Amino acid sequence: MLTGSHISLYPRSRAVKISLIFVVIAFFCLLVSDVSVSTLHPWLEMGRFAYGMITPDFSDYSDIGFALLQTLAFAFTGVTLGALVGFLLALVFEYRLVHVSCAVLRSVHELFWALIFLQFFGLHPLTGVLAIGIPFSAICAKVYAEILEEADSAPYDALPKNSSRVASFFYTRLPQVWPHLKSYTLYRLECGLRTSAVLGFIGLPTLGFYLEVFFKQGLYSQAAALLITFYLLIASMRWWLRPRLLIVYFFASIYLLLPEAVDIDMANVRRFFTEDIIPYPIRMAGDGFDFIPGLIDWLYELLWVQASDGIIQTLILTQVSLVLSGMLALVLFPLVTLHFQGVIGQRLGHGLLVILRSTPEYLLAYIFLQLWGPSMLPAMIALMLHNGAIIGHLCGRYASELALPDFSTRGVNLFAWEIVPRIYPQFLAFLFYRWEIIFRETAILGMLGIYTLGFYVDSAFEEIRYDRAMLLIIITAIINIGIDSLSRRIRRYLRLKTAVQCG
């Protein structure tokens, strides 16, 4: 759960000003964005899709079972790797080299990592495991370090000066933060399941692979069965995901992935890093600096002709989706708030939000793309639904803990004049915390055919121009780091808690 304390002396005028600025920017971005529906019979296709959702076909239970097992195996293995490495990095996170390295690693989306490893590992289990493990280790390092910083230092300071630092850490600081570390790691596993499912769209045998096959064939009932099974898996995590069983799940995951492993050709790995990703003019040049004119032309074509369009489209889609996500969150959070709902209503609202936040943006965008055709509209709706549900869920839990005065205010007045003003600081903290995540997701949605940076990255990989693909990924990472830095500055300006934790 994201945590943060309500600030009584909160500068509301600043919050209103920043909110209006973002709304105005999003409005103008929406005016220049492509939100057209290009399919000939969108309502007919949506009707077929809706009918498939209410008539799931579980007859292909062997494919469903195999897809879910592979999804679980990649998630458990990748998240375990990320959590272990992240914990070690968190212990030395104060060093600038570690801090900057983690910022770079987590700024590259898991699907981009998967595309990189796919070029020399192929459809090897390492492709999926490392694609999850590397960015997750950087994310875990950041959050674990924040959790460790919040631990009470009094027990540690009270120990004799000649005490072992390792023993002191495990006996004083770790017991304090262990529940938070455990909670966040379990949340990260839920994120790993969503990521593992999406990895199927690049060919790994997870849920996304079979969903893509079913959708391309118009088998919506089979796709519905697979989605329902995945939702039940996520919703039931509290019952089957026990800490004492994690070691069993981990070794079972390795056992499931080992038969898929093949020999790795190290020559391909060496060639990728020593030749393929070197810019073409440099690679083909002779001695001296003869490559400079060719490199300038190469950079001009890539950056001005391709990357500039991808950057603009990605930022436009990000800003619109950010504001839409915030608006939807304000609509959804009453569904899971005790002040608005009874027990039954709250459970129904919780079920709806579980479905929305458990479905990866990539998967939602793929579904809407089949129904409406290629434009920004499928991506906007997908990003809005997923992120709006996450922020709405967190705001709902936060609002449910508020102690309100005992009077008879109900309905719209309770929402507009009591609850929203009280949770608005935390709502903004949640929203700006998701900003960089929305940008990362927006970038990779280009792999579906939407003209964001991911479109040009995917095209470069398909054309075997790895040097171009790597430069575009680096550009994406730099912008992501910039958005994260700007988000932190805004939160400091609004006096919001800058280290927001998820778990």
Protein backbone atom coordinates (compact mmCIF):
# COMPACT_ATOMS: atom_id res chain seq x y z
CA MET A 1 0.00 0.00 0.00
CA LEU A 2 1.23 3.49 -0.69
CA THR A 3 1.68 5.26 2.59
CA GLY A 4 1.87 8.90 3.58
CA SER A 5 0.57 11.20 6.23
CA HIS A 6 -2.04 13.89 5.74
CA ILE A 7 -0.47 17.35 5.94
CA SER A 8 -2.61 19.81 7.86
CA LEU A 9 -0.76 22.89 6.57
CA TYR A 10 -1.08 21.76 2.99
CA PRO A 11 -0.74 24.55 0.39
CA ARG A 12 -4.04 24.03 -1.40
CA SER A 13 -3.57 26.98 -3.75
CA ARG A 14 -0.41 25.36 -5.09
CA ALA A 15 -2.21 22.06 -5.57
CA VAL A 16 -5.03 23.75 -7.48
CA LYS A 17 -2.56 25.65 -9.66
CA ILE A 18 -0.50 22.55 -10.52
CA SER A 19 -3.65 20.51 -11.16
CA LEU A 20 -5.05 23.15 -13.53
CA ILE A 21 -1.74 23.38 -15.39
CA PHE A 22 -1.72 19.64 -16.01
CA VAL A 23 -5.40 19.64 -17.06
CA VAL A 24 -4.80 22.46 -19.56
CA ILE A 25 -1.71 20.74 -20.98
CA ALA A 26 -3.65 17.50 -21.35
CA PHE A 27 -6.54 19.31 -23.06
CA PHE A 28 -4.26 20.79 -25.74
CA CYS A 29 -2.48 17.45 -26.13
CA LEU A 30 -5.85 15.81 -26.70
CA LEU A 31 -6.68 18.33 -29.43
CA VAL A 32 -3.62 17.30 -31.49
CA SER A 33 -3.81 13.57 -30.79
CA ASP A 34 -5.25 10.90 -33.06
CA VAL A 35 -8.30 9.36 -31.38
CA SER A 36 -10.08 8.07 -34.45
CA VAL A 37 -11.83 4.70 -34.80
CA SER A 38 -10.68 3.08 -38.05
CA THR A 39 -12.36 -0.34 -37.98
CA LEU A 40 -15.26 -0.77 -40.41
CA HIS A 41 -17.69 -2.31 -37.92
CA PRO A 42 -16.43 -1.49 -34.40
CA TRP A 43 -19.79 -2.13 -32.70
CA LEU A 44 -20.12 -5.53 -34.36
CA GLU A 45 -16.68 -6.54 -33.19
CA MET A 46 -17.32 -5.18 -29.70
CA GLY A 47 -20.54 -7.22 -29.61
CA ARG A 48 -18.63 -10.39 -30.53
CA PHE A 49 -16.05 -9.58 -27.88
CA ALA A 50 -18.72 -8.93 -25.21
CA TYR A 51 -20.50 -12.18 -26.09
CA GLY A 52 -17.20 -14.04 -25.76
CA MET A 53 -16.63 -12.48 -22.32
CA ILE A 54 -19.96 -13.78 -21.00
CA THR A 55 -19.56 -17.23 -22.61
CA PRO A 56 -16.04 -18.33 -21.61
CA ASP A 57 -14.86 -21.63 -23.09
CA PHE A 58 -12.63 -23.65 -20.76
CA SER A 59 -12.35 -26.65 -23.09
CA ASP A 60 -8.69 -25.85 -23.88
CA TYR A 61 -7.81 -26.39 -20.23
CA SER A 62 -4.40 -27.86 -21.08
CA ASP A 63 -3.33 -24.67 -22.88
CA ILE A 64 -4.76 -22.53 -20.06
CA GLY A 65 -2.93 -24.55 -17.43
CA PHE A 66 0.38 -24.49 -19.31
CA ALA A 67 0.15 -20.72 -19.94
CA LEU A 68 -0.56 -19.98 -16.27
CA LEU A 69 2.24 -22.26 -15.05
CA GLN A 70 4.72 -20.61 -17.39
CA THR A 71 3.48 -17.17 -16.33
CA LEU A 72 3.96 -18.09 -12.68
CA ALA A 73 7.38 -19.63 -13.34
CA PHE A 74 8.80 -16.54 -15.05
CA ALA A 75 7.28 -14.27 -12.41
CA PHE A 76 8.60 -16.18 -9.40
CA THR A 77 12.07 -16.62 -10.85
CA GLY A 78 12.41 -13.05 -12.10
CA VAL A 79 10.99 -11.42 -8.97
CA THR A 80 13.15 -13.60 -6.68
CA LEU A 81 16.23 -12.52 -8.61
CA GLY A 82 15.12 -8.89 -8.50
CA ALA A 83 14.31 -8.95 -4.77
CA LEU A 84 17.62 -10.56 -3.75
CA VAL A 85 19.78 -8.26 -5.89
CA GLY A 86 17.63 -5.28 -4.94
CA PHE A 87 18.07 -5.95 -1.22
CA LEU A 88 21.87 -6.08 -1.61
CA LEU A 89 21.85 -2.87 -3.63
CA ALA A 90 19.62 -1.18 -1.04
CA LEU A 91 22.35 -1.65 1.58
CA VAL A 92 24.72 0.52 -0.50
CA PHE A 93 22.09 2.69 -2.16
CA GLU A 94 23.56 5.90 -0.70
CA TYR A 95 26.51 5.64 -3.10
CA ARG A 96 25.92 7.81 -6.15
CA LEU A 97 27.07 5.13 -8.61
CA VAL A 98 24.52 2.66 -7.25
CA HIS A 99 21.76 5.26 -7.12
CA VAL A 100 22.32 6.43 -10.71
CA SER A 101 22.74 2.89 -12.05
CA CYS A 102 19.43 1.81 -10.52
CA ALA A 103 17.71 4.88 -11.97
CA VAL A 104 18.95 3.93 -15.45
CA LEU A 105 18.04 0.24 -15.14
CA ARG A 106 14.50 0.83 -13.91
CA SER A 107 13.84 3.50 -16.55
CA VAL A 108 13.91 0.85 -19.31
CA HIS A 109 10.68 -1.12 -19.56
CA GLU A 110 10.70 -4.90 -19.11
CA LEU A 111 9.56 -5.44 -22.70
CA PHE A 112 12.49 -3.43 -24.01
CA TRP A 113 14.83 -5.56 -21.89
CA ALA A 114 13.15 -8.65 -23.32
CA LEU A 115 13.66 -7.39 -26.89
CA ILE A 116 17.36 -6.85 -26.18
CA PHE A 117 17.91 -10.32 -24.72
CA LEU A 118 15.81 -11.87 -27.45
CA GLN A 119 18.39 -10.86 -30.05
CA PHE A 120 21.14 -13.12 -28.65
CA PHE A 121 19.40 -15.51 -26.24
CA GLY A 122 16.39 -16.17 -28.45
CA LEU A 123 13.31 -17.67 -26.74
CA HIS A 124 15.46 -18.92 -23.87
CA PRO A 125 14.07 -18.75 -20.30
CA LEU A 126 16.88 -16.31 -19.46
CA THR A 127 15.24 -13.77 -21.78
CA GLY A 128 12.13 -13.61 -19.61
CA VAL A 129 13.87 -14.03 -16.25
CA LEU A 130 16.41 -11.26 -16.88
CA ALA A 131 13.81 -8.98 -18.49
CA ILE A 132 11.91 -9.09 -15.18
CA GLY A 133 14.86 -9.43 -12.80
CA ILE A 134 17.02 -6.51 -13.97
CA PRO A 135 14.48 -3.63 -13.77
CA PHE A 136 12.81 -5.17 -10.73
CA SER A 137 16.15 -5.30 -8.88
CA ALA A 138 16.58 -1.55 -9.47
CA ILE A 139 12.99 -0.81 -8.39
CA CYS A 140 13.32 -2.98 -5.28
CA ALA A 141 16.67 -1.36 -4.41
CA LYS A 142 15.06 2.07 -4.47
CA VAL A 143 12.01 1.13 -2.38
CA TYR A 144 13.93 -1.13 0.04
CA ALA A 145 16.40 1.70 0.65
CA GLU A 146 13.51 4.09 1.41
CA ILE A 147 12.01 1.56 3.83
CA LEU A 148 15.36 1.05 5.58
CA GLU A 149 15.82 4.82 5.93
CA GLU A 150 12.53 5.08 7.82
CA ALA A 151 13.58 2.51 10.43
CA ASP A 152 14.08 3.83 13.97
CA SER A 153 17.83 4.23 14.48
CA ALA A 154 17.64 4.32 18.30
CA PRO A 155 18.13 0.53 18.82
CA TYR A 156 21.08 0.56 16.40
CA ASP A 157 22.68 3.58 18.08
CA ALA A 158 22.28 2.02 21.53
CA LEU A 159 24.53 -0.93 20.71
CA PRO A 160 28.20 -0.92 21.80
CA LYS A 161 30.50 0.74 19.28
CA ASN A 162 32.51 -2.46 18.74
CA SER A 163 29.39 -4.41 17.64
CA SER A 164 29.48 -6.07 14.23
CA ARG A 165 27.72 -3.94 11.63
CA VAL A 166 26.22 -7.01 9.99
CA ALA A 167 24.93 -8.47 13.26
CA SER A 168 23.64 -5.06 14.37
CA PHE A 169 21.75 -4.63 11.13
CA PHE A 170 20.06 -8.03 11.33
CA TYR A 171 19.16 -7.67 15.01
CA THR A 172 18.04 -4.01 15.15
CA ARG A 173 17.03 -2.56 11.78
CA LEU A 174 15.85 -5.59 9.79
CA PRO A 175 13.22 -6.79 12.34
CA GLN A 176 11.62 -3.31 12.29
CA VAL A 177 11.23 -3.12 8.52
CA TRP A 178 10.69 -6.80 7.75
CA PRO A 179 6.86 -6.56 7.54
CA HIS A 180 7.16 -3.66 5.07
CA LEU A 181 9.82 -5.45 3.01
CA LYS A 182 7.68 -8.57 2.88
CA SER A 183 4.54 -6.62 1.96
CA TYR A 184 6.27 -4.75 -0.84
CA THR A 185 7.89 -7.90 -2.22
CA LEU A 186 4.50 -9.60 -2.43
CA TYR A 187 3.15 -6.55 -4.25
CA ARG A 188 6.13 -6.71 -6.61
CA LEU A 189 5.25 -10.35 -7.29
CA GLU A 190 1.79 -9.26 -8.43
CA CYS A 191 3.51 -6.79 -10.79
CA GLY A 192 5.77 -9.64 -11.92
CA LEU A 193 2.75 -11.75 -12.83
CA ARG A 194 1.40 -8.96 -15.03
CA THR A 195 4.79 -8.46 -16.67
CA SER A 196 5.24 -12.19 -17.19
CA ALA A 197 1.86 -12.37 -18.90
CA VAL A 198 2.78 -9.56 -21.30
CA LEU A 199 6.09 -11.23 -22.22
CA GLY A 200 4.02 -13.74 -24.17
CA PHE A 201 3.50 -11.07 -26.84
CA ILE A 202 7.17 -11.38 -27.87
CA GLY A 203 6.95 -15.17 -28.17
CA LEU A 204 7.56 -16.56 -24.68
CA PRO A 205 4.98 -19.24 -23.75
CA THR A 206 3.10 -17.18 -21.15
CA LEU A 207 -0.48 -15.97 -21.02
CA GLY A 208 0.03 -13.18 -23.55
CA PHE A 209 1.16 -15.61 -26.25
CA TYR A 210 -2.08 -17.60 -26.11
CA LEU A 211 -4.23 -14.49 -25.78
CA GLU A 212 -2.69 -13.06 -28.95
CA VAL A 213 -3.39 -16.34 -30.77
CA PHE A 214 -7.01 -16.45 -29.58
CA PHE A 215 -7.68 -12.80 -30.46
CA LYS A 216 -6.15 -13.07 -33.92
CA GLN A 217 -8.41 -16.05 -34.59
CA GLY A 218 -11.47 -14.31 -33.12
CA LEU A 219 -11.77 -16.96 -30.38
CA TYR A 220 -13.07 -14.54 -27.75
CA SER A 221 -14.63 -17.23 -25.57
CA GLN A 222 -11.28 -19.02 -25.19
CA ALA A 223 -9.60 -15.68 -24.52
CA ALA A 224 -12.23 -14.92 -21.86
CA ALA A 225 -11.52 -18.23 -20.13
CA LEU A 226 -7.82 -17.41 -20.01
CA LEU A 227 -8.47 -13.91 -18.65
CA ILE A 228 -10.92 -15.13 -16.01
CA THR A 229 -8.43 -17.72 -14.82
CA PHE A 230 -5.75 -15.03 -14.57
CA TYR A 231 -8.06 -12.71 -12.60
CA LEU A 232 -8.89 -15.51 -10.18
CA LEU A 233 -5.19 -16.20 -9.77
CA ILE A 234 -4.51 -12.55 -8.87
CA ALA A 235 -7.58 -12.22 -6.62
CA SER A 236 -6.72 -15.37 -4.67
CA MET A 237 -3.07 -14.45 -4.00
CA ARG A 238 -3.80 -13.77 -0.34
CA TRP A 239 -4.70 -17.44 0.13
CA TRP A 240 -2.11 -19.33 -1.91
CA LEU A 241 0.83 -16.91 -1.63
CA ARG A 242 2.29 -17.83 1.75
CA PRO A 243 5.83 -16.70 2.67
CA ARG A 244 6.77 -20.18 3.88
CA LEU A 245 5.86 -21.60 0.47
CA LEU A 246 7.88 -19.11 -1.59
CA ILE A 247 10.99 -21.29 -1.62
CA VAL A 248 8.88 -24.21 -2.89
CA TYR A 249 7.37 -22.04 -5.62
CA PHE A 250 10.82 -20.78 -6.62
CA PHE A 251 12.36 -24.23 -7.13
CA ALA A 252 9.19 -25.46 -8.84
CA SER A 253 9.50 -22.51 -11.24
CA ILE A 254 13.10 -23.39 -12.07
CA TYR A 255 12.03 -27.00 -12.67
CA LEU A 256 9.32 -25.79 -15.09
CA LEU A 257 11.69 -23.51 -17.01
CA LEU A 258 14.67 -25.88 -17.30
CA PRO A 259 13.18 -28.09 -20.07
CA GLU A 260 12.77 -24.96 -22.20
CA ALA A 261 16.43 -24.00 -21.85
CA VAL A 262 18.76 -24.52 -24.80
CA ASP A 263 22.46 -23.91 -25.26
CA ILE A 264 23.43 -20.25 -25.53
CA ASP A 265 25.73 -19.27 -28.37
CA MET A 266 28.19 -16.91 -26.69
CA ALA A 267 29.42 -15.77 -30.11
CA ASN A 268 26.04 -14.11 -30.65
CA VAL A 269 26.31 -12.40 -27.28
CA ARG A 270 29.80 -11.07 -28.01
CA ARG A 271 28.85 -9.90 -31.49
CA PHE A 272 25.80 -8.05 -30.18
CA PHE A 273 27.81 -6.01 -27.66
CA THR A 274 31.00 -5.55 -29.68
CA GLU A 275 29.55 -5.00 -33.16
CA ASP A 276 25.76 -4.90 -33.55
CA ILE A 277 25.02 -2.02 -31.18
CA ILE A 278 27.94 0.13 -32.38
CA PRO A 279 26.56 2.93 -34.63
CA TYR A 280 26.83 1.87 -38.26
CA PRO A 281 29.09 4.76 -39.45
CA ILE A 282 31.61 4.00 -36.69
CA ARG A 283 31.44 0.27 -37.33
CA MET A 284 32.10 0.65 -41.05
CA ALA A 285 34.68 3.45 -40.85
CA GLY A 286 38.41 2.97 -41.18
CA ASP A 287 41.11 4.62 -39.14
CA GLY A 288 40.99 8.20 -37.98
CA PHE A 289 37.87 10.35 -37.77
CA ASP A 290 36.46 9.67 -41.22
CA PHE A 291 33.24 8.41 -39.63
CA ILE A 292 32.20 11.82 -38.26
CA PRO A 293 30.27 13.12 -41.34
CA GLY A 294 28.49 9.79 -41.71
CA LEU A 295 27.72 9.69 -37.99
CA ILE A 296 26.20 13.18 -38.13
CA ASP A 297 23.94 12.15 -41.03
CA TRP A 298 23.02 8.93 -39.20
CA LEU A 299 22.13 10.81 -36.02
CA TYR A 300 20.15 13.44 -37.95
CA GLU A 301 18.02 10.83 -39.69
CA LEU A 302 17.43 8.85 -36.51
CA LEU A 303 16.89 11.70 -34.05
CA TRP A 304 15.17 14.33 -36.18
CA VAL A 305 13.24 12.17 -38.64
CA GLN A 306 12.23 9.29 -36.33
CA ALA A 307 12.91 9.88 -32.64
CA SER A 308 11.51 13.43 -32.56
CA ASP A 309 8.11 12.22 -33.77
CA GLY A 310 8.17 9.29 -31.34
CA ILE A 311 9.12 11.55 -28.41
CA ILE A 312 6.35 14.07 -29.17
CA GLN A 313 3.68 11.39 -29.59
CA THR A 314 4.83 9.57 -26.42
CA LEU A 315 4.71 12.76 -24.32
CA ILE A 316 1.29 13.72 -25.74
CA LEU A 317 -0.16 10.32 -24.92
CA THR A 318 1.48 10.31 -21.48
CA GLN A 319 0.05 13.66 -20.43
CA VAL A 320 -3.48 12.88 -21.60
CA SER A 321 -3.39 9.45 -19.94
CA LEU A 322 -2.04 10.90 -16.69
CA VAL A 323 -4.93 13.36 -16.34
CA LEU A 324 -7.53 10.80 -17.44
CA SER A 325 -6.15 8.33 -14.88
CA GLY A 326 -6.49 10.92 -12.14
CA MET A 327 -10.05 11.78 -13.13
CA LEU A 328 -11.05 8.12 -13.22
CA ALA A 329 -9.41 7.49 -9.84
CA LEU A 330 -11.56 10.21 -8.26
CA VAL A 331 -14.64 8.50 -9.70
CA LEU A 332 -13.62 4.98 -8.66
CA PHE A 333 -12.28 5.41 -5.12
CA PRO A 334 -15.77 5.78 -3.53
CA LEU A 335 -16.52 2.22 -4.75
CA VAL A 336 -14.05 0.83 -2.18
CA THR A 337 -14.47 3.43 0.57
CA LEU A 338 -16.36 2.52 3.72
CA HIS A 339 -17.81 6.03 4.04
CA PHE A 340 -19.72 5.51 0.77
CA GLN A 341 -20.33 1.75 0.56
CA GLY A 342 -21.61 -1.04 2.70
CA VAL A 343 -19.74 -4.33 3.00
CA ILE A 344 -21.34 -5.87 -0.10
CA GLY A 345 -20.91 -2.72 -2.20
CA GLN A 346 -17.30 -2.40 -1.14
CA ARG A 347 -16.55 -6.00 -2.12
CA LEU A 348 -18.17 -5.54 -5.52
CA GLY A 349 -16.19 -2.34 -6.06
CA HIS A 350 -13.03 -4.09 -4.95
CA GLY A 351 -13.70 -6.88 -7.46
CA LEU A 352 -14.10 -4.37 -10.30
CA LEU A 353 -10.88 -2.58 -9.40
CA VAL A 354 -9.00 -5.89 -9.09
CA ILE A 355 -9.99 -6.76 -12.65
CA LEU A 356 -8.95 -3.36 -14.00
CA ARG A 357 -5.64 -3.09 -12.16
CA SER A 358 -4.73 -6.74 -12.72
CA THR A 359 -5.01 -6.40 -16.50
CA PRO A 360 -1.74 -4.98 -17.90
CA GLU A 361 -2.02 -1.81 -19.97
CA TYR A 362 -0.37 -3.61 -22.88
CA LEU A 363 -3.03 -6.31 -22.87
CA LEU A 364 -5.88 -3.80 -22.56
CA ALA A 365 -4.45 -1.72 -25.41
CA TYR A 366 -4.10 -4.83 -27.56
CA ILE A 367 -7.77 -5.74 -26.99
CA PHE A 368 -9.01 -2.22 -27.76
CA LEU A 369 -6.74 -2.06 -30.80
CA GLN A 370 -8.48 -5.10 -32.28
CA LEU A 371 -11.85 -3.44 -31.70
CA TRP A 372 -11.14 0.15 -32.78
CA GLY A 373 -8.07 0.04 -35.00
CA PRO A 374 -4.66 1.73 -34.62
CA SER A 375 -4.79 5.18 -33.00
CA MET A 376 -4.06 6.74 -29.62
CA LEU A 377 -7.59 5.98 -28.40
CA PRO A 378 -6.95 2.32 -27.41
CA ALA A 379 -3.78 3.33 -25.57
CA MET A 380 -5.48 6.22 -23.72
CA ILE A 381 -8.35 4.05 -22.53
CA ALA A 382 -6.01 1.21 -21.52
CA LEU A 383 -3.69 3.49 -19.53
CA MET A 384 -6.63 5.29 -17.94
CA LEU A 385 -8.39 2.11 -16.81
CA HIS A 386 -5.31 0.39 -15.39
CA ASN A 387 -3.70 3.36 -13.63
CA GLY A 388 -7.00 4.90 -12.61
CA ALA A 389 -7.94 1.63 -10.90
CA ILE A 390 -4.60 1.45 -9.08
CA ILE A 391 -4.78 5.04 -7.83
CA GLY A 392 -8.48 4.69 -7.03
CA HIS A 393 -7.80 1.54 -5.00
CA LEU A 394 -5.05 3.27 -3.01
CA CYS A 395 -7.12 6.43 -2.46
CA GLY A 396 -10.06 4.29 -1.36
CA ARG A 397 -8.00 2.50 1.27
CA TYR A 398 -6.57 5.80 2.44
CA ALA A 399 -10.02 7.43 2.60
CA SER A 400 -11.47 4.49 4.54
CA GLU A 401 -8.99 5.16 7.35
CA LEU A 402 -10.05 8.80 7.77
CA ALA A 403 -11.87 9.71 10.98
CA LEU A 404 -14.73 12.01 9.95
CA PRO A 405 -16.87 14.26 12.17
CA ASP A 406 -20.10 12.64 13.29
CA PHE A 407 -22.73 14.47 11.25
CA SER A 408 -25.23 13.58 8.58
CA THR A 409 -23.40 14.76 5.44
CA ARG A 410 -23.90 12.17 2.72
CA GLY A 411 -23.62 11.67 -1.02
CA VAL A 412 -22.16 14.38 -3.22
CA ASN A 413 -21.56 16.78 -0.32
CA LEU A 414 -19.60 14.15 1.58
CA PHE A 415 -17.56 13.41 -1.53
CA ALA A 416 -16.86 16.99 -2.64
CA TRP A 417 -16.55 18.85 0.65
CA GLU A 418 -15.24 16.29 3.12
CA ILE A 419 -13.45 13.31 1.55
CA VAL A 420 -11.77 14.75 -1.56
CA PRO A 421 -10.21 17.79 0.19
CA ARG A 422 -8.80 15.48 2.87
CA ILE A 423 -7.31 12.91 0.50
CA TYR A 424 -6.27 15.32 -2.28
CA PRO A 425 -2.64 15.69 -1.12
CA GLN A 426 -2.22 11.92 -1.02
CA PHE A 427 -4.08 11.58 -4.32
CA LEU A 428 -1.57 13.90 -5.99
CA ALA A 429 1.31 11.98 -4.44
CA PHE A 430 -0.08 8.74 -5.89
CA LEU A 431 -0.71 10.35 -9.28
CA PHE A 432 2.72 11.93 -9.67
CA TYR A 433 4.34 8.74 -8.45
CA ARG A 434 2.66 6.94 -11.37
CA TRP A 435 3.77 9.58 -13.89
CA GLU A 436 7.04 7.95 -14.89
CA ILE A 437 5.36 4.53 -14.92
CA ILE A 438 2.72 5.81 -17.33
CA PHE A 439 5.47 7.17 -19.58
CA ARG A 440 7.27 3.80 -19.58
CA GLU A 441 4.06 2.02 -20.49
CA THR A 442 3.21 4.60 -23.14
CA ALA A 443 6.58 4.08 -24.81
CA ILE A 444 6.22 0.29 -25.12
CA LEU A 445 2.65 0.53 -26.45
CA GLY A 446 4.28 1.55 -29.72
CA MET A 447 5.11 -2.11 -30.23
CA LEU A 448 1.40 -2.57 -30.98
CA GLY A 449 1.55 -0.13 -33.89
CA ILE A 450 0.85 3.17 -32.11
CA TYR A 451 3.37 5.86 -33.09
CA THR A 452 5.22 6.18 -29.79
CA LEU A 453 8.91 5.49 -29.18
CA GLY A 454 8.24 1.78 -28.89
CA PHE A 455 7.08 1.68 -32.51
CA TYR A 456 10.45 2.89 -33.74
CA VAL A 457 12.34 0.62 -31.32
CA ASP A 458 10.41 -2.43 -32.49
CA SER A 459 10.87 -1.45 -36.14
CA ALA A 460 14.63 -1.10 -35.66
CA PHE A 461 14.84 -4.56 -34.10
CA GLU A 462 12.78 -6.06 -36.93
CA GLU A 463 15.12 -4.44 -39.48
CA ILE A 464 18.13 -5.82 -37.53
CA ARG A 465 19.36 -2.29 -36.91
CA TYR A 466 20.32 -2.88 -33.30
CA ASP A 467 22.41 0.29 -33.10
CA ARG A 468 19.33 2.41 -33.82
CA ALA A 469 17.18 0.42 -31.40
CA MET A 470 19.67 0.84 -28.55
CA LEU A 471 19.95 4.60 -29.06
CA LEU A 472 16.16 4.95 -29.05
CA ILE A 473 15.95 2.91 -25.84
CA ILE A 474 18.59 5.16 -24.27
CA ILE A 475 16.57 8.23 -25.28
CA THR A 476 13.49 6.68 -23.68
CA ALA A 477 15.44 6.05 -20.47
CA ILE A 478 16.76 9.62 -20.34
CA ILE A 479 13.27 11.11 -20.73
CA ASN A 480 11.93 8.72 -18.09
CA ILE A 481 14.61 9.80 -15.63
CA GLY A 482 13.76 13.43 -16.41
CA ILE A 483 10.07 12.84 -15.71
CA ASP A 484 10.92 11.11 -12.42
CA SER A 485 13.10 14.06 -11.40
CA LEU A 486 10.38 16.58 -12.33
CA SER A 487 7.81 14.54 -10.42
CA ARG A 488 9.97 14.68 -7.29
CA ARG A 489 10.41 18.43 -7.65
CA ILE A 490 6.66 18.95 -7.96
CA ARG A 491 6.00 16.80 -4.89
CA ARG A 492 8.55 18.81 -2.92
CA TYR A 493 6.96 22.04 -4.17
CA LEU A 494 3.57 20.80 -2.97
CA ARG A 495 5.12 19.56 0.28
CA LEU A 496 4.05 16.02 -0.48
CA LYS A 497 5.91 13.01 0.71
CA THR A 498 8.55 12.38 -1.98
CA ALA A 499 9.32 8.74 -1.12
CA VAL A 500 6.06 6.97 -1.80
CA GLN A 501 6.10 3.25 -1.05
CA CYS A 502 4.10 0.50 -2.68
CA GLY A 503 3.34 -2.83 -1.09
